[in-house]
Amino acid sequence: SALLLVVAMTGSRDYGSRYAIFLPMFLAVAAG
């Protein structure tokens, strides 16, 4: 989750939270 977020943060297109759509999946499991 951290790695993909950091990589996505380096992108040149600030277009949406969809570039971090993996967070509601991986972190939902962690929240459990």
ModelCIF file with pLDDT and N, C-alpha, C, O atoms, coordinates in Angstrom:
data_MODEL
#
_entry.id   MODEL 
#
_entity.id                         1 
_entity.type                       polymer 
_entity.pdbx_number_of_molecules   1 
#
_entity_poly.entity_id                      1 
_entity_poly.type                           'polypeptide(L)' 
_entity_poly.nstd_linkage                   no 
_entity_poly.nstd_monomer                   no 
_entity_poly.pdbx_seq_one_letter_code       SALLLVVAMTGSRDYGSRYAIFLPMFLAVAAG 
_entity_poly.pdbx_seq_one_letter_code_can   SALLLVVAMTGSRDYGSRYAIFLPMFLAVAAG 
_entity_poly.pdbx_strand_id                 A 
#
loop_
_entity_poly_seq.entity_id 
_entity_poly_seq.num 
_entity_poly_seq.mon_id 
_entity_poly_seq.hetero 
1 1  SER n 
1 2  ALA n 
1 3  LEU n 
1 4  LEU n 
1 5  LEU n 
1 6  VAL n 
1 7  VAL n 
1 8  ALA n 
1 9  MET n 
1 10 THR n 
1 11 GLY n 
1 12 SER n 
1 13 ARG n 
1 14 ASP n 
1 15 TYR n 
1 16 GLY n 
1 17 SER n 
1 18 ARG n 
1 19 TYR n 
1 20 ALA n 
1 21 ILE n 
1 22 PHE n 
1 23 LEU n 
1 24 PRO n 
1 25 MET n 
1 26 PHE n 
1 27 LEU n 
1 28 ALA n 
1 29 VAL n 
1 30 ALA n 
1 31 ALA n 
1 32 GLY n 
#
_struct_asym.id          A 
_struct_asym.entity_id   1 
#
loop_
_ma_qa_metric.id 
_ma_qa_metric.mode 
_ma_qa_metric.name 
_ma_qa_metric.software_group_id 
_ma_qa_metric.type 
1 global pLDDT . pLDDT 
2 local  pLDDT . pLDDT 
#
_ma_qa_metric_global.metric_id      1 
_ma_qa_metric_global.metric_value   96.94 
_ma_qa_metric_global.model_id       1 
_ma_qa_metric_global.ordinal_id     1 
#
loop_
_ma_qa_metric_local.label_asym_id 
_ma_qa_metric_local.label_comp_id 
_ma_qa_metric_local.label_seq_id 
_ma_qa_metric_local.metric_id 
_ma_qa_metric_local.metric_value 
_ma_qa_metric_local.model_id 
_ma_qa_metric_local.ordinal_id 
A SER 1  2 98.00 1 1  
A ALA 2  2 98.00 1 2  
A LEU 3  2 98.00 1 3  
A LEU 4  2 98.00 1 4  
A LEU 5  2 98.00 1 5  
A VAL 6  2 97.00 1 6  
A VAL 7  2 96.00 1 7  
A ALA 8  2 97.00 1 8  
A MET 9  2 97.00 1 9  
A THR 10 2 95.00 1 10 
A GLY 11 2 94.00 1 11 
A SER 12 2 94.00 1 12 
A ARG 13 2 94.00 1 13 
A ASP 14 2 95.00 1 14 
A TYR 15 2 95.00 1 15 
A GLY 16 2 94.00 1 16 
A SER 17 2 97.00 1 17 
A ARG 18 2 97.00 1 18 
A TYR 19 2 97.00 1 19 
A ALA 20 2 97.00 1 20 
A ILE 21 2 98.00 1 21 
A PHE 22 2 98.00 1 22 
A LEU 23 2 98.00 1 23 
A PRO 24 2 98.00 1 24 
A MET 25 2 98.00 1 25 
A PHE 26 2 98.00 1 26 
A LEU 27 2 98.00 1 27 
A ALA 28 2 98.00 1 28 
A VAL 29 2 98.00 1 29 
A ALA 30 2 98.00 1 30 
A ALA 31 2 98.00 1 31 
A GLY 32 2 98.00 1 32 
#
loop_
_atom_site.group_PDB 
_atom_site.id 
_atom_site.type_symbol 
_atom_site.label_atom_id 
_atom_site.label_alt_id 
_atom_site.label_comp_id 
_atom_site.label_asym_id 
_atom_site.label_entity_id 
_atom_site.label_seq_id 
_atom_site.pdbx_PDB_ins_code 
_atom_site.Cartn_x 
_atom_site.Cartn_y 
_atom_site.Cartn_z 
_atom_site.occupancy 
_atom_site.B_iso_or_equiv 
_atom_site.pdbx_formal_charge 
_atom_site.auth_seq_id 
_atom_site.auth_comp_id 
_atom_site.auth_asym_id 
_atom_site.auth_atom_id 
_atom_site.pdbx_PDB_model_num 
ATOM 1   N N  . SER A 1 1  ? 0.835   -1.203 0.000   1.00 98.00 ? 1  SER A N  1 
ATOM 2   C CA . SER A 1 1  ? 0.000   0.000  0.000   1.00 98.00 ? 1  SER A CA 1 
ATOM 3   C C  . SER A 1 1  ? 0.870   1.254  0.000   1.00 98.00 ? 1  SER A C  1 
ATOM 4   O O  . SER A 1 1  ? 0.624   2.198  -0.751  1.00 98.00 ? 1  SER A O  1 
ATOM 5   N N  . ALA A 1 2  ? 1.895   1.244  0.860   1.00 98.00 ? 2  ALA A N  1 
ATOM 6   C CA . ALA A 1 2  ? 2.786   2.407  0.943   1.00 98.00 ? 2  ALA A CA 1 
ATOM 7   C C  . ALA A 1 2  ? 3.572   2.594  -0.342  1.00 98.00 ? 2  ALA A C  1 
ATOM 8   O O  . ALA A 1 2  ? 3.714   3.715  -0.830  1.00 98.00 ? 2  ALA A O  1 
ATOM 9   N N  . LEU A 1 3  ? 4.085   1.497  -0.893  1.00 98.00 ? 3  LEU A N  1 
ATOM 10  C CA . LEU A 1 3  ? 4.892   1.590  -2.111  1.00 98.00 ? 3  LEU A CA 1 
ATOM 11  C C  . LEU A 1 3  ? 4.077   2.119  -3.281  1.00 98.00 ? 3  LEU A C  1 
ATOM 12  O O  . LEU A 1 3  ? 4.518   3.031  -3.981  1.00 98.00 ? 3  LEU A O  1 
ATOM 13  N N  . LEU A 1 4  ? 2.906   1.563  -3.497  1.00 98.00 ? 4  LEU A N  1 
ATOM 14  C CA . LEU A 1 4  ? 2.077   2.007  -4.622  1.00 98.00 ? 4  LEU A CA 1 
ATOM 15  C C  . LEU A 1 4  ? 1.644   3.460  -4.452  1.00 98.00 ? 4  LEU A C  1 
ATOM 16  O O  . LEU A 1 4  ? 1.544   4.199  -5.432  1.00 98.00 ? 4  LEU A O  1 
ATOM 17  N N  . LEU A 1 5  ? 1.387   3.870  -3.214  1.00 98.00 ? 5  LEU A N  1 
ATOM 18  C CA . LEU A 1 5  ? 1.004   5.264  -2.976  1.00 98.00 ? 5  LEU A CA 1 
ATOM 19  C C  . LEU A 1 5  ? 2.167   6.202  -3.287  1.00 98.00 ? 5  LEU A C  1 
ATOM 20  O O  . LEU A 1 5  ? 1.973   7.233  -3.932  1.00 98.00 ? 5  LEU A O  1 
ATOM 21  N N  . VAL A 1 6  ? 3.359   5.858  -2.841  1.00 97.00 ? 6  VAL A N  1 
ATOM 22  C CA . VAL A 1 6  ? 4.523   6.709  -3.100  1.00 97.00 ? 6  VAL A CA 1 
ATOM 23  C C  . VAL A 1 6  ? 4.787   6.815  -4.598  1.00 97.00 ? 6  VAL A C  1 
ATOM 24  O O  . VAL A 1 6  ? 5.064   7.901  -5.107  1.00 97.00 ? 6  VAL A O  1 
ATOM 25  N N  . VAL A 1 7  ? 4.702   5.693  -5.301  1.00 96.00 ? 7  VAL A N  1 
ATOM 26  C CA . VAL A 1 7  ? 4.912   5.721  -6.751  1.00 96.00 ? 7  VAL A CA 1 
ATOM 27  C C  . VAL A 1 7  ? 3.851   6.571  -7.432  1.00 96.00 ? 7  VAL A C  1 
ATOM 28  O O  . VAL A 1 7  ? 4.167   7.369  -8.315  1.00 96.00 ? 7  VAL A O  1 
ATOM 29  N N  . ALA A 1 8  ? 2.585   6.405  -7.025  1.00 97.00 ? 8  ALA A N  1 
ATOM 30  C CA . ALA A 1 8  ? 1.507   7.194  -7.635  1.00 97.00 ? 8  ALA A CA 1 
ATOM 31  C C  . ALA A 1 8  ? 1.679   8.684  -7.367  1.00 97.00 ? 8  ALA A C  1 
ATOM 32  O O  . ALA A 1 8  ? 1.294   9.509  -8.196  1.00 97.00 ? 8  ALA A O  1 
ATOM 33  N N  . MET A 1 9  ? 2.248   9.035  -6.227  1.00 97.00 ? 9  MET A N  1 
ATOM 34  C CA . MET A 1 9  ? 2.458   10.443 -5.871  1.00 97.00 ? 9  MET A CA 1 
ATOM 35  C C  . MET A 1 9  ? 3.474   11.114 -6.786  1.00 97.00 ? 9  MET A C  1 
ATOM 36  O O  . MET A 1 9  ? 3.490   12.340 -6.896  1.00 97.00 ? 9  MET A O  1 
ATOM 37  N N  . THR A 1 10 ? 4.309   10.340 -7.434  1.00 95.00 ? 10 THR A N  1 
ATOM 38  C CA . THR A 1 10 ? 5.317   10.922 -8.325  1.00 95.00 ? 10 THR A CA 1 
ATOM 39  C C  . THR A 1 10 ? 4.767   11.204 -9.718  1.00 95.00 ? 10 THR A C  1 
ATOM 40  O O  . THR A 1 10 ? 5.462   11.802 -10.539 1.00 95.00 ? 10 THR A O  1 
ATOM 41  N N  . GLY A 1 11 ? 3.541   10.788 -10.001 1.00 94.00 ? 11 GLY A N  1 
ATOM 42  C CA . GLY A 1 11 ? 2.961   10.999 -11.325 1.00 94.00 ? 11 GLY A CA 1 
ATOM 43  C C  . GLY A 1 11 ? 2.732   12.475 -11.622 1.00 94.00 ? 11 GLY A C  1 
ATOM 44  O O  . GLY A 1 11 ? 2.614   13.296 -10.712 1.00 94.00 ? 11 GLY A O  1 
ATOM 45  N N  . SER A 1 12 ? 2.672   12.792 -12.897 1.00 94.00 ? 12 SER A N  1 
ATOM 46  C CA . SER A 1 12 ? 2.537   14.198 -13.296 1.00 94.00 ? 12 SER A CA 1 
ATOM 47  C C  . SER A 1 12 ? 1.083   14.641 -13.414 1.00 94.00 ? 12 SER A C  1 
ATOM 48  O O  . SER A 1 12 ? 0.816   15.825 -13.621 1.00 94.00 ? 12 SER A O  1 
ATOM 49  N N  . ARG A 1 13 ? 0.130   13.701 -13.285 1.00 94.00 ? 13 ARG A N  1 
ATOM 50  C CA . ARG A 1 13 ? -1.285  14.031 -13.482 1.00 94.00 ? 13 ARG A CA 1 
ATOM 51  C C  . ARG A 1 13 ? -2.027  13.999 -12.149 1.00 94.00 ? 13 ARG A C  1 
ATOM 52  O O  . ARG A 1 13 ? -2.294  12.927 -11.606 1.00 94.00 ? 13 ARG A O  1 
ATOM 53  N N  . ASP A 1 14 ? -2.356  15.168 -11.631 1.00 95.00 ? 14 ASP A N  1 
ATOM 54  C CA . ASP A 1 14 ? -3.128  15.281 -10.391 1.00 95.00 ? 14 ASP A CA 1 
ATOM 55  C C  . ASP A 1 14 ? -4.609  15.264 -10.747 1.00 95.00 ? 14 ASP A C  1 
ATOM 56  O O  . ASP A 1 14 ? -5.281  16.295 -10.720 1.00 95.00 ? 14 ASP A O  1 
ATOM 57  N N  . TYR A 1 15 ? -5.105  14.077 -11.081 1.00 95.00 ? 15 TYR A N  1 
ATOM 58  C CA . TYR A 1 15 ? -6.448  13.977 -11.643 1.00 95.00 ? 15 TYR A CA 1 
ATOM 59  C C  . TYR A 1 15 ? -7.461  13.256 -10.756 1.00 95.00 ? 15 TYR A C  1 
ATOM 60  O O  . TYR A 1 15 ? -8.659  13.307 -11.034 1.00 95.00 ? 15 TYR A O  1 
ATOM 61  N N  . GLY A 1 16 ? -7.007  12.583 -9.690  1.00 94.00 ? 16 GLY A N  1 
ATOM 62  C CA . GLY A 1 16 ? -8.045  11.947 -8.912  1.00 94.00 ? 16 GLY A CA 1 
ATOM 63  C C  . GLY A 1 16 ? -7.554  10.923 -7.920  1.00 94.00 ? 16 GLY A C  1 
ATOM 64  O O  . GLY A 1 16 ? -6.452  10.388 -8.040  1.00 94.00 ? 16 GLY A O  1 
ATOM 65  N N  . SER A 1 17 ? -8.400  10.659 -6.931  1.00 97.00 ? 17 SER A N  1 
ATOM 66  C CA . SER A 1 17 ? -8.098  9.644  -5.932  1.00 97.00 ? 17 SER A CA 1 
ATOM 67  C C  . SER A 1 17 ? -8.143  8.247  -6.513  1.00 97.00 ? 17 SER A C  1 
ATOM 68  O O  . SER A 1 17 ? -7.726  7.292  -5.858  1.00 97.00 ? 17 SER A O  1 
ATOM 69  N N  . ARG A 1 18 ? -8.644  8.109  -7.738  1.00 97.00 ? 18 ARG A N  1 
ATOM 70  C CA . ARG A 1 18 ? -8.690  6.779  -8.365  1.00 97.00 ? 18 ARG A CA 1 
ATOM 71  C C  . ARG A 1 18 ? -7.293  6.199  -8.559  1.00 97.00 ? 18 ARG A C  1 
ATOM 72  O O  . ARG A 1 18 ? -7.144  4.982  -8.662  1.00 97.00 ? 18 ARG A O  1 
ATOM 73  N N  . TYR A 1 19 ? -6.276  7.041  -8.610  1.00 97.00 ? 19 TYR A N  1 
ATOM 74  C CA . TYR A 1 19 ? -4.915  6.544  -8.734  1.00 97.00 ? 19 TYR A CA 1 
ATOM 75  C C  . TYR A 1 19 ? -4.454  5.845  -7.455  1.00 97.00 ? 19 TYR A C  1 
ATOM 76  O O  . TYR A 1 19 ? -3.402  5.204  -7.443  1.00 97.00 ? 19 TYR A O  1 
ATOM 77  N N  . ALA A 1 20 ? -5.231  5.964  -6.387  1.00 97.00 ? 20 ALA A N  1 
ATOM 78  C CA . ALA A 1 20 ? -4.941  5.252  -5.132  1.00 97.00 ? 20 ALA A CA 1 
ATOM 79  C C  . ALA A 1 20 ? -6.109  4.344  -4.761  1.00 97.00 ? 20 ALA A C  1 
ATOM 80  O O  . ALA A 1 20 ? -6.366  4.127  -3.576  1.00 97.00 ? 20 ALA A O  1 
ATOM 81  N N  . ILE A 1 21 ? -6.819  3.810  -5.753  1.00 98.00 ? 21 ILE A N  1 
ATOM 82  C CA . ILE A 1 21 ? -8.005  2.994  -5.486  1.00 98.00 ? 21 ILE A CA 1 
ATOM 83  C C  . ILE A 1 21 ? -7.648  1.693  -4.782  1.00 98.00 ? 21 ILE A C  1 
ATOM 84  O O  . ILE A 1 21 ? -8.531  1.012  -4.260  1.00 98.00 ? 21 ILE A O  1 
ATOM 85  N N  . PHE A 1 22 ? -6.367  1.340  -4.762  1.00 98.00 ? 22 PHE A N  1 
ATOM 86  C CA . PHE A 1 22 ? -5.936  0.142  -4.043  1.00 98.00 ? 22 PHE A CA 1 
ATOM 87  C C  . PHE A 1 22 ? -6.068  0.322  -2.531  1.00 98.00 ? 22 PHE A C  1 
ATOM 88  O O  . PHE A 1 22 ? -6.213  -0.666 -1.812  1.00 98.00 ? 22 PHE A O  1 
ATOM 89  N N  . LEU A 1 23 ? -6.023  1.546  -2.036  1.00 98.00 ? 23 LEU A N  1 
ATOM 90  C CA . LEU A 1 23 ? -6.084  1.772  -0.585  1.00 98.00 ? 23 LEU A CA 1 
ATOM 91  C C  . LEU A 1 23 ? -7.383  1.271  0.043   1.00 98.00 ? 23 LEU A C  1 
ATOM 92  O O  . LEU A 1 23 ? -7.318  0.601  1.073   1.00 98.00 ? 23 LEU A O  1 
ATOM 93  N N  . PRO A 1 24 ? -8.580  1.563  -0.527  1.00 98.00 ? 24 PRO A N  1 
ATOM 94  C CA . PRO A 1 24 ? -9.801  1.035  0.093   1.00 98.00 ? 24 PRO A CA 1 
ATOM 95  C C  . PRO A 1 24 ? -9.882  -0.492 0.085   1.00 98.00 ? 24 PRO A C  1 
ATOM 96  O O  . PRO A 1 24 ? -10.718 -1.068 0.782   1.00 98.00 ? 24 PRO A O  1 
ATOM 97  N N  . MET A 1 25 ? -9.031  -1.146 -0.690  1.00 98.00 ? 25 MET A N  1 
ATOM 98  C CA . MET A 1 25 ? -9.036  -2.608 -0.711  1.00 98.00 ? 25 MET A CA 1 
ATOM 99  C C  . MET A 1 25 ? -8.059  -3.176 0.320   1.00 98.00 ? 25 MET A C  1 
ATOM 100 O O  . MET A 1 25 ? -8.458  -3.926 1.212   1.00 98.00 ? 25 MET A O  1 
ATOM 101 N N  . PHE A 1 26 ? -6.787  -2.817 0.195   1.00 98.00 ? 26 PHE A N  1 
ATOM 102 C CA . PHE A 1 26 ? -5.778  -3.351 1.104   1.00 98.00 ? 26 PHE A CA 1 
ATOM 103 C C  . PHE A 1 26 ? -6.011  -2.890 2.541   1.00 98.00 ? 26 PHE A C  1 
ATOM 104 O O  . PHE A 1 26 ? -5.893  -3.682 3.477   1.00 98.00 ? 26 PHE A O  1 
ATOM 105 N N  . LEU A 1 27 ? -6.340  -1.620 2.715   1.00 98.00 ? 27 LEU A N  1 
ATOM 106 C CA . LEU A 1 27 ? -6.482  -1.105 4.073   1.00 98.00 ? 27 LEU A CA 1 
ATOM 107 C C  . LEU A 1 27 ? -7.801  -1.511 4.716   1.00 98.00 ? 27 LEU A C  1 
ATOM 108 O O  . LEU A 1 27 ? -7.930  -1.455 5.939   1.00 98.00 ? 27 LEU A O  1 
ATOM 109 N N  . ALA A 1 28 ? -8.776  -1.915 3.921   1.00 98.00 ? 28 ALA A N  1 
ATOM 110 C CA . ALA A 1 28 ? -9.991  -2.490 4.519   1.00 98.00 ? 28 ALA A CA 1 
ATOM 111 C C  . ALA A 1 28 ? -9.652  -3.779 5.240   1.00 98.00 ? 28 ALA A C  1 
ATOM 112 O O  . ALA A 1 28 ? -10.155 -4.038 6.333   1.00 98.00 ? 28 ALA A O  1 
ATOM 113 N N  . VAL A 1 29 ? -8.789  -4.597 4.624   1.00 98.00 ? 29 VAL A N  1 
ATOM 114 C CA . VAL A 1 29 ? -8.360  -5.838 5.271   1.00 98.00 ? 29 VAL A CA 1 
ATOM 115 C C  . VAL A 1 29 ? -7.596  -5.521 6.556   1.00 98.00 ? 29 VAL A C  1 
ATOM 116 O O  . VAL A 1 29 ? -7.822  -6.142 7.594   1.00 98.00 ? 29 VAL A O  1 
ATOM 117 N N  . ALA A 1 30 ? -6.689  -4.544 6.472   1.00 98.00 ? 30 ALA A N  1 
ATOM 118 C CA . ALA A 1 30 ? -5.943  -4.149 7.669   1.00 98.00 ? 30 ALA A CA 1 
ATOM 119 C C  . ALA A 1 30 ? -6.885  -3.656 8.765   1.00 98.00 ? 30 ALA A C  1 
ATOM 120 O O  . ALA A 1 30 ? -6.690  -3.974 9.938   1.00 98.00 ? 30 ALA A O  1 
ATOM 121 N N  . ALA A 1 31 ? -7.898  -2.886 8.393   1.00 98.00 ? 31 ALA A N  1 
ATOM 122 C CA . ALA A 1 31 ? -8.840  -2.353 9.384   1.00 98.00 ? 31 ALA A CA 1 
ATOM 123 C C  . ALA A 1 31 ? -9.598  -3.462 10.098  1.00 98.00 ? 31 ALA A C  1 
ATOM 124 O O  . ALA A 1 31 ? -9.997  -3.300 11.252  1.00 98.00 ? 31 ALA A O  1 
ATOM 125 N N  . GLY A 1 32 ? -9.798  -4.580 9.423   1.00 98.00 ? 32 GLY A N  1 
ATOM 126 C CA . GLY A 1 32 ? -10.509 -5.689 10.059  1.00 98.00 ? 32 GLY A CA 1 
ATOM 127 C C  . GLY A 1 32 ? -9.817  -6.224 11.296  1.00 98.00 ? 32 GLY A C  1 
ATOM 128 O O  . GLY A 1 32 ? -10.313 -7.159 11.924  1.00 98.00 ? 32 GLY A O  1 
#
